[in-house]
């Protein structure tokens, strides 16, 4: 279960640091119960999150990418936690 909130994907290459995950997509998908990352539409980290989501989609890693109203702030994360914790 992996649920980053406003993750800091700031590397030039979004694959940096995720080589093992991307090298064995079938194994990654088998081990993950949930990979869902959430961010506010006005968060300064949104571009890196979009790039990472596109990489995961391109490689076939099951995930959910949710963009909601808000910035990089506690109000957004609190709403997101409320939605994701019951899952």
PDB file of N, CA and C in Angstrom:
ATOM      1  N   UNK A   1       0.857  -1.165   0.000  1.00  0.00           N
ATOM      2  CA  UNK A   1       0.000   0.000   0.000  1.00  0.00           C
ATOM      3  C   UNK A   1       0.901   1.225   0.000  1.00  0.00           C
ATOM      4  N   UNK A   2       0.876   1.980  -1.086  1.00  0.00           N
ATOM      5  CA  UNK A   2       1.696   3.182  -1.185  1.00  0.00           C
ATOM      6  C   UNK A   2       0.781   4.326  -1.616  1.00  0.00           C
ATOM      7  N   UNK A   3       0.740   5.360  -0.784  1.00  0.00           N
ATOM      8  CA  UNK A   3      -0.149   6.492  -1.059  1.00  0.00           C
ATOM      9  C   UNK A   3       0.582   7.800  -0.739  1.00  0.00           C
ATOM     10  N   UNK A   4       1.461   8.246  -1.633  1.00  0.00           N
ATOM     11  CA  UNK A   4       2.109   9.533  -1.383  1.00  0.00           C
ATOM     12  C   UNK A   4       1.147  10.701  -1.632  1.00  0.00           C
ATOM     13  N   UNK A   5       1.261  11.706  -0.800  1.00  0.00           N
ATOM     14  CA  UNK A   5       0.474  12.931  -0.939  1.00  0.00           C
ATOM     15  C   UNK A   5       1.425  14.047  -1.341  1.00  0.00           C
ATOM     16  N   UNK A   6       1.209  14.624  -2.523  1.00  0.00           N
ATOM     17  CA  UNK A   6       2.071  15.700  -3.029  1.00  0.00           C
ATOM     18  C   UNK A   6       3.535  15.256  -3.032  1.00  0.00           C
ATOM     19  N   UNK A   7       3.790  14.126  -3.656  1.00  0.00           N
ATOM     20  CA  UNK A   7       5.140  13.563  -3.694  1.00  0.00           C
ATOM     21  C   UNK A   7       6.108  14.492  -4.418  1.00  0.00           C
ATOM     22  N   UNK A   8       7.350  14.466  -4.003  1.00  0.00           N
ATOM     23  CA  UNK A   8       8.375  15.334  -4.582  1.00  0.00           C
ATOM     24  C   UNK A   8       9.152  14.591  -5.658  1.00  0.00           C
ATOM     25  N   UNK A   9       8.524  14.388  -6.800  1.00  0.00           N
ATOM     26  CA  UNK A   9       9.204  13.795  -7.952  1.00  0.00           C
ATOM     27  C   UNK A   9       9.895  14.939  -8.690  1.00  0.00           C
ATOM     28  N   UNK A  10      11.140  15.205  -8.338  1.00  0.00           N
ATOM     29  CA  UNK A  10      11.831  16.369  -8.885  1.00  0.00           C
ATOM     30  C   UNK A  10      13.068  15.995  -9.702  1.00  0.00           C
ATOM     31  N   UNK A  11      13.338  14.717  -9.870  1.00  0.00           N
ATOM     32  CA  UNK A  11      14.492  14.280 -10.656  1.00  0.00           C
ATOM     33  C   UNK A  11      14.308  14.656 -12.127  1.00  0.00           C
ATOM     34  N   UNK A  12      15.412  14.862 -12.812  1.00  0.00           N
ATOM     35  CA  UNK A  12      15.337  15.127 -14.246  1.00  0.00           C
ATOM     36  C   UNK A  12      14.707  13.946 -14.980  1.00  0.00           C
ATOM     37  N   UNK A  13      15.143  12.743 -14.641  1.00  0.00           N
ATOM     38  CA  UNK A  13      14.607  11.521 -15.240  1.00  0.00           C
ATOM     39  C   UNK A  13      13.670  10.885 -14.221  1.00  0.00           C
ATOM     40  N   UNK A  14      12.377  10.781 -14.530  1.00  0.00           N
ATOM     41  CA  UNK A  14      11.442  10.244 -13.539  1.00  0.00           C
ATOM     42  C   UNK A  14      11.709   8.792 -13.159  1.00  0.00           C
ATOM     43  N   UNK A  15      12.471   8.078 -13.956  1.00  0.00           N
ATOM     44  CA  UNK A  15      12.779   6.681 -13.642  1.00  0.00           C
ATOM     45  C   UNK A  15      13.887   6.553 -12.604  1.00  0.00           C
ATOM     46  N   UNK A  16      14.621   7.628 -12.341  1.00  0.00           N
ATOM     47  CA  UNK A  16      15.721   7.584 -11.392  1.00  0.00           C
ATOM     48  C   UNK A  16      15.214   7.144 -10.019  1.00  0.00           C
ATOM     49  N   UNK A  17      15.828   6.101  -9.502  1.00  0.00           N
ATOM     50  CA  UNK A  17      15.437   5.596  -8.193  1.00  0.00           C
ATOM     51  C   UNK A  17      14.349   4.533  -8.241  1.00  0.00           C
ATOM     52  N   UNK A  18      13.785   4.293  -9.405  1.00  0.00           N
ATOM     53  CA  UNK A  18      12.689   3.319  -9.526  1.00  0.00           C
ATOM     54  C   UNK A  18      13.045   2.203 -10.514  1.00  0.00           C
ATOM     55  N   UNK A  19      14.337   1.965 -10.702  1.00  0.00           N
ATOM     56  CA  UNK A  19      14.777   0.982 -11.685  1.00  0.00           C
ATOM     57  C   UNK A  19      14.212  -0.408 -11.403  1.00  0.00           C
ATOM     58  N   UNK A  20      14.245  -0.831 -10.123  1.00  0.00           N
ATOM     59  CA  UNK A  20      13.741  -2.176  -9.774  1.00  0.00           C
ATOM     60  C   UNK A  20      12.243  -2.290 -10.025  1.00  0.00           C
ATOM     61  N   UNK A  21      11.514  -1.253  -9.708  1.00  0.00           N
ATOM     62  CA  UNK A  21      10.055  -1.245  -9.914  1.00  0.00           C
ATOM     63  C   UNK A  21       9.742  -1.369 -11.392  1.00  0.00           C
ATOM     64  N   UNK A  22      10.466  -0.647 -12.219  1.00  0.00           N
ATOM     65  CA  UNK A  22      10.197  -0.614 -13.650  1.00  0.00           C
ATOM     66  C   UNK A  22      10.784  -1.808 -14.392  1.00  0.00           C
ATOM     67  N   UNK A  23      11.807  -2.450 -13.823  1.00  0.00           N
ATOM     68  CA  UNK A  23      12.432  -3.602 -14.477  1.00  0.00           C
ATOM     69  C   UNK A  23      11.551  -4.841 -14.405  1.00  0.00           C
ATOM     70  N   UNK A  24      10.727  -4.949 -13.378  1.00  0.00           N
ATOM     71  CA  UNK A  24       9.858  -6.114 -13.191  1.00  0.00           C
ATOM     72  C   UNK A  24       8.433  -5.635 -12.931  1.00  0.00           C
ATOM     73  N   UNK A  25       7.789  -5.152 -13.982  1.00  0.00           N
ATOM     74  CA  UNK A  25       6.449  -4.581 -13.838  1.00  0.00           C
ATOM     75  C   UNK A  25       5.453  -5.631 -13.366  1.00  0.00           C
ATOM     76  N   UNK A  26       5.537  -6.839 -13.881  1.00  0.00           N
ATOM     77  CA  UNK A  26       4.608  -7.897 -13.457  1.00  0.00           C
ATOM     78  C   UNK A  26       4.771  -8.163 -11.961  1.00  0.00           C
ATOM     79  N   UNK A  27       5.998  -8.243 -11.487  1.00  0.00           N
ATOM     80  CA  UNK A  27       6.249  -8.448 -10.067  1.00  0.00           C
ATOM     81  C   UNK A  27       5.790  -7.263  -9.230  1.00  0.00           C
ATOM     82  N   UNK A  28       6.026  -6.075  -9.736  1.00  0.00           N
ATOM     83  CA  UNK A  28       5.579  -4.866  -9.040  1.00  0.00           C
ATOM     84  C   UNK A  28       4.065  -4.869  -8.907  1.00  0.00           C
ATOM     85  N   UNK A  29       3.367  -5.129 -10.006  1.00  0.00           N
ATOM     86  CA  UNK A  29       1.903  -5.148  -9.966  1.00  0.00           C
ATOM     87  C   UNK A  29       1.367  -6.234  -9.038  1.00  0.00           C
ATOM     88  N   UNK A  30       2.071  -7.346  -8.960  1.00  0.00           N
ATOM     89  CA  UNK A  30       1.656  -8.447  -8.084  1.00  0.00           C
ATOM     90  C   UNK A  30       1.810  -8.060  -6.602  1.00  0.00           C
ATOM     91  N   UNK A  31       2.885  -7.353  -6.280  1.00  0.00           N
ATOM     92  CA  UNK A  31       3.170  -6.996  -4.884  1.00  0.00           C
ATOM     93  C   UNK A  31       2.366  -5.799  -4.380  1.00  0.00           C
ATOM     94  N   UNK A  32       1.985  -4.922  -5.268  1.00  0.00           N
ATOM     95  CA  UNK A  32       1.278  -3.709  -4.839  1.00  0.00           C
ATOM     96  C   UNK A  32      -0.204  -3.980  -4.625  1.00  0.00           C
ATOM     97  N   UNK A  33      -0.694  -3.616  -3.467  1.00  0.00           N
ATOM     98  CA  UNK A  33      -2.138  -3.639  -3.235  1.00  0.00           C
ATOM     99  C   UNK A  33      -2.745  -2.349  -3.752  1.00  0.00           C
ATOM    100  N   UNK A  34      -2.009  -1.261  -3.551  1.00  0.00           N
ATOM    101  CA  UNK A  34      -2.477   0.037  -4.026  1.00  0.00           C
ATOM    102  C   UNK A  34      -1.275   0.947  -4.230  1.00  0.00           C
ATOM    103  N   UNK A  35      -1.255   1.609  -5.356  1.00  0.00           N
ATOM    104  CA  UNK A  35      -0.331   2.707  -5.596  1.00  0.00           C
ATOM    105  C   UNK A  35      -1.208   3.857  -6.072  1.00  0.00           C
ATOM    106  N   UNK A  36      -1.409   4.793  -5.184  1.00  0.00           N
ATOM    107  CA  UNK A  36      -2.311   5.918  -5.484  1.00  0.00           C
ATOM    108  C   UNK A  36      -1.625   7.179  -4.983  1.00  0.00           C
ATOM    109  N   UNK A  37      -1.302   8.065  -5.913  1.00  0.00           N
ATOM    110  CA  UNK A  37      -0.727   9.307  -5.441  1.00  0.00           C
ATOM    111  C   UNK A  37      -1.628  10.467  -5.807  1.00  0.00           C
ATOM    112  N   UNK A  38      -1.671  11.408  -4.873  1.00  0.00           N
ATOM    113  CA  UNK A  38      -2.646  12.493  -4.911  1.00  0.00           C
ATOM    114  C   UNK A  38      -1.925  13.826  -4.805  1.00  0.00           C
ATOM    115  N   UNK A  39      -2.518  14.836  -5.441  1.00  0.00           N
ATOM    116  CA  UNK A  39      -1.896  16.153  -5.423  1.00  0.00           C
ATOM    117  C   UNK A  39      -2.948  17.204  -5.744  1.00  0.00           C
ATOM    118  N   UNK A  40      -2.700  18.424  -5.298  1.00  0.00           N
ATOM    119  CA  UNK A  40      -3.574  19.541  -5.616  1.00  0.00           C
ATOM    120  C   UNK A  40      -3.250  20.112  -6.993  1.00  0.00           C
ATOM    121  N   UNK A  41      -4.264  20.608  -7.681  1.00  0.00           N
ATOM    122  CA  UNK A  41      -4.047  21.107  -9.047  1.00  0.00           C
ATOM    123  C   UNK A  41      -3.189  22.363  -9.085  1.00  0.00           C
ATOM    124  N   UNK A  42      -3.058  23.061  -7.963  1.00  0.00           N
ATOM    125  CA  UNK A  42      -2.215  24.253  -7.905  1.00  0.00           C
ATOM    126  C   UNK A  42      -0.923  24.008  -7.130  1.00  0.00           C
ATOM    127  N   UNK A  43      -0.592  22.748  -6.884  1.00  0.00           N
ATOM    128  CA  UNK A  43       0.632  22.386  -6.165  1.00  0.00           C
ATOM    129  C   UNK A  43       1.829  22.570  -7.092  1.00  0.00           C
ATOM    130  N   UNK A  44       2.893  23.164  -6.578  1.00  0.00           N
ATOM    131  CA  UNK A  44       4.089  23.377  -7.389  1.00  0.00           C
ATOM    132  C   UNK A  44       4.770  22.065  -7.781  1.00  0.00           C
ATOM    133  N   UNK A  45       4.414  20.958  -7.138  1.00  0.00           N
ATOM    134  CA  UNK A  45       4.989  19.651  -7.472  1.00  0.00           C
ATOM    135  C   UNK A  45       4.179  18.895  -8.530  1.00  0.00           C
ATOM    136  N   UNK A  46       3.119  19.482  -9.033  1.00  0.00           N
ATOM    137  CA  UNK A  46       2.260  18.803 -10.012  1.00  0.00           C
ATOM    138  C   UNK A  46       2.998  18.371 -11.276  1.00  0.00           C
ATOM    139  N   UNK A  47       3.855  19.185 -11.884  1.00  0.00           N
ATOM    140  CA  UNK A  47       4.525  18.734 -13.112  1.00  0.00           C
ATOM    141  C   UNK A  47       5.308  17.422 -12.934  1.00  0.00           C
ATOM    142  N   UNK A  48       6.052  17.303 -11.854  1.00  0.00           N
ATOM    143  CA  UNK A  48       6.803  16.071 -11.611  1.00  0.00           C
ATOM    144  C   UNK A  48       5.893  14.876 -11.378  1.00  0.00           C
ATOM    145  N   UNK A  49       4.771  15.091 -10.707  1.00  0.00           N
ATOM    146  CA  UNK A  49       3.804  14.021 -10.478  1.00  0.00           C
ATOM    147  C   UNK A  49       3.175  13.569 -11.794  1.00  0.00           C
ATOM    148  N   UNK A  50       2.855  14.521 -12.654  1.00  0.00           N
ATOM    149  CA  UNK A  50       2.294  14.174 -13.974  1.00  0.00           C
ATOM    150  C   UNK A  50       3.288  13.351 -14.795  1.00  0.00           C
ATOM    151  N   UNK A  51       4.540  13.766 -14.771  1.00  0.00           N
ATOM    152  CA  UNK A  51       5.579  13.043 -15.511  1.00  0.00           C
ATOM    153  C   UNK A  51       5.731  11.623 -14.982  1.00  0.00           C
ATOM    154  N   UNK A  52       5.725  11.477 -13.660  1.00  0.00           N
ATOM    155  CA  UNK A  52       5.860  10.148 -13.062  1.00  0.00           C
ATOM    156  C   UNK A  52       4.641   9.281 -13.381  1.00  0.00           C
ATOM    157  N   UNK A  53       3.445   9.850 -13.324  1.00  0.00           N
ATOM    158  CA  UNK A  53       2.227   9.102 -13.662  1.00  0.00           C
ATOM    159  C   UNK A  53       2.272   8.629 -15.117  1.00  0.00           C
ATOM    160  N   UNK A  54       2.758   9.478 -16.000  1.00  0.00           N
ATOM    161  CA  UNK A  54       2.869   9.100 -17.414  1.00  0.00           C
ATOM    162  C   UNK A  54       3.871   7.955 -17.588  1.00  0.00           C
ATOM    163  N   UNK A  55       4.974   8.006 -16.850  1.00  0.00           N
ATOM    164  CA  UNK A  55       5.964   6.927 -16.904  1.00  0.00           C
ATOM    165  C   UNK A  55       5.348   5.612 -16.438  1.00  0.00           C
ATOM    166  N   UNK A  56       4.644   5.638 -15.312  1.00  0.00           N
ATOM    167  CA  UNK A  56       4.002   4.414 -14.804  1.00  0.00           C
ATOM    168  C   UNK A  56       2.990   3.870 -15.803  1.00  0.00           C
ATOM    169  N   UNK A  57       2.187   4.741 -16.392  1.00  0.00           N
ATOM    170  CA  UNK A  57       1.189   4.309 -17.379  1.00  0.00           C
ATOM    171  C   UNK A  57       1.872   3.707 -18.599  1.00  0.00           C
ATOM    172  N   UNK A  58       2.929   4.355 -19.055  1.00  0.00           N
ATOM    173  CA  UNK A  58       3.657   3.878 -20.233  1.00  0.00           C
ATOM    174  C   UNK A  58       4.273   2.506 -20.008  1.00  0.00           C
ATOM    175  N   UNK A  59       4.749   2.254 -18.787  1.00  0.00           N
ATOM    176  CA  UNK A  59       5.390   0.970 -18.476  1.00  0.00           C
ATOM    177  C   UNK A  59       4.399  -0.095 -18.019  1.00  0.00           C
ATOM    178  N   UNK A  60       3.148   0.298 -17.747  1.00  0.00           N
ATOM    179  CA  UNK A  60       2.142  -0.674 -17.346  1.00  0.00           C
ATOM    180  C   UNK A  60       2.056  -0.938 -15.856  1.00  0.00           C
ATOM    181  N   UNK A  61       2.570  -0.035 -15.038  1.00  0.00           N
ATOM    182  CA  UNK A  61       2.470  -0.187 -13.586  1.00  0.00           C
ATOM    183  C   UNK A  61       1.086   0.302 -13.153  1.00  0.00           C
ATOM    184  N   UNK A  62       0.326  -0.574 -12.490  1.00  0.00           N
ATOM    185  CA  UNK A  62      -1.009  -0.199 -12.013  1.00  0.00           C
ATOM    186  C   UNK A  62      -0.914   0.881 -10.955  1.00  0.00           C
ATOM    187  N   UNK A  63      -1.664   1.933 -11.140  1.00  0.00           N
ATOM    188  CA  UNK A  63      -1.648   3.041 -10.194  1.00  0.00           C
ATOM    189  C   UNK A  63      -2.869   3.919 -10.424  1.00  0.00           C
ATOM    190  N   UNK A  64      -3.104   4.791  -9.466  1.00  0.00           N
ATOM    191  CA  UNK A  64      -4.122   5.820  -9.595  1.00  0.00           C
ATOM    192  C   UNK A  64      -3.442   7.152  -9.344  1.00  0.00           C
ATOM    193  N   UNK A  65      -3.768   8.120 -10.158  1.00  0.00           N
ATOM    194  CA  UNK A  65      -3.215   9.461 -10.012  1.00  0.00           C
ATOM    195  C   UNK A  65      -4.388  10.415  -9.895  1.00  0.00           C
ATOM    196  N   UNK A  66      -4.510  11.070  -8.748  1.00  0.00           N
ATOM    197  CA  UNK A  66      -5.668  11.903  -8.451  1.00  0.00           C
ATOM    198  C   UNK A  66      -5.221  13.355  -8.277  1.00  0.00           C
ATOM    199  N   UNK A  67      -5.844  14.241  -9.040  1.00  0.00           N
ATOM    200  CA  UNK A  67      -5.591  15.676  -8.917  1.00  0.00           C
ATOM    201  C   UNK A  67      -6.859  16.318  -8.385  1.00  0.00           C
ATOM    202  N   UNK A  68      -6.720  17.056  -7.297  1.00  0.00           N
ATOM    203  CA  UNK A  68      -7.864  17.705  -6.665  1.00  0.00           C
ATOM    204  C   UNK A  68      -7.617  19.208  -6.573  1.00  0.00           C
ATOM    205  N   UNK A  69      -8.654  19.955  -6.251  1.00  0.00           N
ATOM    206  CA  UNK A  69      -8.502  21.388  -6.029  1.00  0.00           C
ATOM    207  C   UNK A  69      -7.571  21.635  -4.855  1.00  0.00           C
ATOM    208  N   UNK A  70      -6.726  22.638  -4.986  1.00  0.00           N
ATOM    209  CA  UNK A  70      -5.889  23.029  -3.866  1.00  0.00           C
ATOM    210  C   UNK A  70      -4.421  23.165  -4.215  1.00  0.00           C
ATOM    211  N   UNK A  71      -3.673  23.602  -3.215  1.00  0.00           N
ATOM    212  CA  UNK A  71      -2.234  23.820  -3.353  1.00  0.00           C
ATOM    213  C   UNK A  71      -1.480  22.785  -2.526  1.00  0.00           C
ATOM    214  N   UNK A  72      -0.224  23.068  -2.257  1.00  0.00           N
ATOM    215  CA  UNK A  72       0.638  22.212  -1.440  1.00  0.00           C
ATOM    216  C   UNK A  72       0.406  22.596   0.020  1.00  0.00           C
ATOM    217  N   UNK A  73      -0.683  22.058   0.591  1.00  0.00           N
ATOM    218  CA  UNK A  73      -1.052  22.461   1.942  1.00  0.00           C
ATOM    219  C   UNK A  73      -1.846  21.369   2.653  1.00  0.00           C
ATOM    220  N   UNK A  74      -1.897  21.476   3.982  1.00  0.00           N
ATOM    221  CA  UNK A  74      -2.518  20.477   4.828  1.00  0.00           C
ATOM    222  C   UNK A  74      -3.985  20.234   4.491  1.00  0.00           C
ATOM    223  N   UNK A  75      -4.745  21.272   4.141  1.00  0.00           N
ATOM    224  CA  UNK A  75      -6.178  21.071   3.819  1.00  0.00           C
ATOM    225  C   UNK A  75      -6.377  20.038   2.733  1.00  0.00           C
ATOM    226  N   UNK A  76      -5.553  20.083   1.726  1.00  0.00           N
ATOM    227  CA  UNK A  76      -5.648  19.132   0.609  1.00  0.00           C
ATOM    228  C   UNK A  76      -5.324  17.734   1.094  1.00  0.00           C
ATOM    229  N   UNK A  77      -4.255  17.589   1.856  1.00  0.00           N
ATOM    230  CA  UNK A  77      -3.841  16.264   2.328  1.00  0.00           C
ATOM    231  C   UNK A  77      -4.857  15.678   3.290  1.00  0.00           C
ATOM    232  N   UNK A  78      -5.456  16.526   4.107  1.00  0.00           N
ATOM    233  CA  UNK A  78      -6.471  16.047   5.051  1.00  0.00           C
ATOM    234  C   UNK A  78      -7.663  15.461   4.293  1.00  0.00           C
ATOM    235  N   UNK A  79      -8.122  16.154   3.252  1.00  0.00           N
ATOM    236  CA  UNK A  79      -9.220  15.621   2.419  1.00  0.00           C
ATOM    237  C   UNK A  79      -8.814  14.304   1.769  1.00  0.00           C
ATOM    238  N   UNK A  80      -7.601  14.262   1.259  1.00  0.00           N
ATOM    239  CA  UNK A  80      -7.126  13.059   0.584  1.00  0.00           C
ATOM    240  C   UNK A  80      -7.012  11.885   1.560  1.00  0.00           C
ATOM    241  N   UNK A  81      -6.498  12.138   2.750  1.00  0.00           N
ATOM    242  CA  UNK A  81      -6.430  11.077   3.769  1.00  0.00           C
ATOM    243  C   UNK A  81      -7.820  10.566   4.121  1.00  0.00           C
ATOM    244  N   UNK A  82      -8.746  11.465   4.245  1.00  0.00           N
ATOM    245  CA  UNK A  82     -10.139  11.084   4.553  1.00  0.00           C
ATOM    246  C   UNK A  82     -10.682  10.140   3.480  1.00  0.00           C
ATOM    247  N   UNK A  83     -10.356  10.397   2.228  1.00  0.00           N
ATOM    248  CA  UNK A  83     -10.854   9.575   1.128  1.00  0.00           C
ATOM    249  C   UNK A  83     -10.118   8.234   1.017  1.00  0.00           C
ATOM    250  N   UNK A  84      -8.833   8.223   1.295  1.00  0.00           N
ATOM    251  CA  UNK A  84      -8.043   7.022   1.029  1.00  0.00           C
ATOM    252  C   UNK A  84      -7.958   6.054   2.207  1.00  0.00           C
ATOM    253  N   UNK A  85      -8.045   6.537   3.438  1.00  0.00           N
ATOM    254  CA  UNK A  85      -7.885   5.639   4.586  1.00  0.00           C
ATOM    255  C   UNK A  85      -8.905   4.495   4.617  1.00  0.00           C
ATOM    256  N   UNK A  86     -10.162   4.714   4.273  1.00  0.00           N
ATOM    257  CA  UNK A  86     -11.099   3.570   4.287  1.00  0.00           C
ATOM    258  C   UNK A  86     -10.768   2.488   3.249  1.00  0.00           C
ATOM    259  N   UNK A  87      -9.992   2.848   2.234  1.00  0.00           N
ATOM    260  CA  UNK A  87      -9.665   1.870   1.200  1.00  0.00           C
ATOM    261  C   UNK A  87      -8.683   0.840   1.704  1.00  0.00           C
TER     262      UNK A  87
END
